[in-house]
Amino acid sequence: MPVVYGELKLFLYANRFSKRNTQKIFGDASTGSRLGIGSSYNLIINLDFPMARGGGAALIKKFLALGNNYLAVTALVAAGCAFAFYAWQRDIGLDLWDEGFLWYGVQRTMLGEVPVLDFFAYDPGRYYWSAAIMLVLDDAGLLALRIAGAAIQAIGLFFGLLALGTVTKKEDRFFILIAAITLVIWMFPRHKYFDITALLALIFVFTWLVQRADLRRYFIAGLTVGIVAVFGKNHGVYGLTASALILGYLWLERSGPGLLKSISALSAGIAAGYAPVLILMVMQPGFTEAFWQSIVFLLTGGAAIIPVNIPWPWRVSFGDKTIIGLVFLAVFVWAVVGIPWILWLRYKHKHVPALWVSCAALGLPYAHAVSLRADIPHLSQALYPVLLAALGGIAMQRPAKRMACAGFICLLSIVVMLGRHPGWDCRPGKECAEVELLGDRLKLPPSVDRDMKLLNSLNEQYAAPARTFFVAPFWPGAYAAFEKKAPVWEVYAFATRDDAFQRREIARIEAANPGFVLIYDLPLDGRDELRYSRSHALIAEYVEKNYVLLEGYSENPAYRIYASKQNRQ
């Protein structure tokens, strides 16, 4: 029996299927979307959209008829934008580097391994979120991972629009739509939706706290800080820093409960939100030590993000790089002047929107992230405080000025960012190869297609069917693509490791006995000391002594390919 929300119908069927009879179809625009989950019971979710049946006008009327129900409007817009982004580029591209790092970790988590303990990983939250969704879908493929990402993207966009709603005229639905497009176009890259959502959740919850500070809201704010720390300890640190700044602001305002009670409620919330990691520390042998080692690695600079010079607008050629430079400048200017400006407005007894207070408190710590590595992915993780502050200011203007300014920012964002998303790589007129990977049909740009053909050839010749291989340092996605367990703990090796660590990794390689080795000996960011042969010299030396160098497999001189001596005998 269908469950109906407006025009979205979810048909749930439970049918007993064998796994080999499971059929998965997703994205059929003429019949709706269907997900088949092959396990003991098969669950089919049919998303019957009026757009797919030629009823686009009906959906628009429903949207307009929502009136002042801002919660419904934001939910619909957030879900619609995330779904549209997913539908546009769900099957395009394959990033063996960062997206592959996440994909491999989620696959291992689905099999019962523990992030950080059993493999080099981000903090555990994103792995358990993605693994839960992919287990429901009974699918370890890339599209299932991207469904999990689209879900968290929709949640983040929802939080961002809710925060903006504190200053937005609720009846101005087209401004909400323009703002949503602006926010979503900056959500890049797709494997970092978790980090962007963490920031947007913090912006919303601190806005909500400043609006009316009481013990319940302090607890929920702390709970949010704890939860985002489960997804990334850096977000926990940034959220804690912003919490202190907001506590100071509210103390100046003489708003809410006393300082001690506020700190207690906030601390209790943080502990509750961070409970999943605390439980892992208590219940999972070895996790506490691995977790603290990961913190030490960060603090000692071993995992320091490799710096990239900030592209100041006066140092780059004119064009979209100039706009990017101006955005970087805006992030840093807001980080410096945001809090003093808020205090000046308060001193002048002028109205200070809660959204601006939240964005100012978060702008300062999140500027740290982009200062470490000034590239577009890190910019996207730090931009939202200044972007939402700007959109909030625009929302308070007269209608004509509001729409003109919002439309201008949206247009500039599209011009700068649209071509950076994977969906643009396979636009009409661009050559892309269609391949099948773990049951998913993907479209790959030529360079990625060549790399996958190389890996497939090596796997078939030296590692199939059950033998693993060793790929270092930048392609953890190769293990996920072939559903192999990596022979090492450090599946993404971007930093120099000491001899003791490398000897432990060599012992793991010996035990796993990989069929072939591919070392991508690239000088990362042009720095020769970051070649794998120098940052992991002992492991590279072990490979040279125990494996046979192969010729003729690739024209890329950075690819050093070796076969096991057993395979060459």
Foldseek 3Di string as FASTA:
>chain_A
DWDDDPQWTWDWDWDADAQVPWDAFAQPLQFAGWFWAHDRITTITGGGHVVSVVNPVVVVVVLLVVALPLLVLLLVLLLVVLVVVCSLDLFFADFLFPLLQLLLLLLVVLVPDADLQQFDHAFGPLSVQLNVQCVVSNASDSSSSLVSLSVLSSLLLSLQLLLLVLQFDSSPSVLSNLLSLLLSLLQPDSVCSLLSSLLSNLLNLQLVCVVAPELVSLLQSLLSLLQSCSRHVLSNVLSVQLVVLSLVVCVVVVGYDDSVSSVVSSPNSNCVNNVVLVVCVVPPPPSVVSVVVVVVCVVVCQPQQAADDQLALVNDDDDLSNVLNVLLVLLVVLQVCLVVVQVVCVVVVHDDRSSSSSLNSSSNSLNVQCRRYVDSNSSSSRRSSSSSVVLSVLSNDDPVSSCVVSNVSSVSSCRNRVCVYSSVCPPPPHDWDWDAFSNDTHTYHPVVVLVVVLLVVCCVQFAPDQAAAEEDDGRSSSCSRNVHDHLANRNHDQGADDPVNLVVSVVSCVVRVHFKYKQQQDCVVVNNCRGCCNSNVVNVVVCVVAWAWDPDSDPDPSITMTGGVVSVD
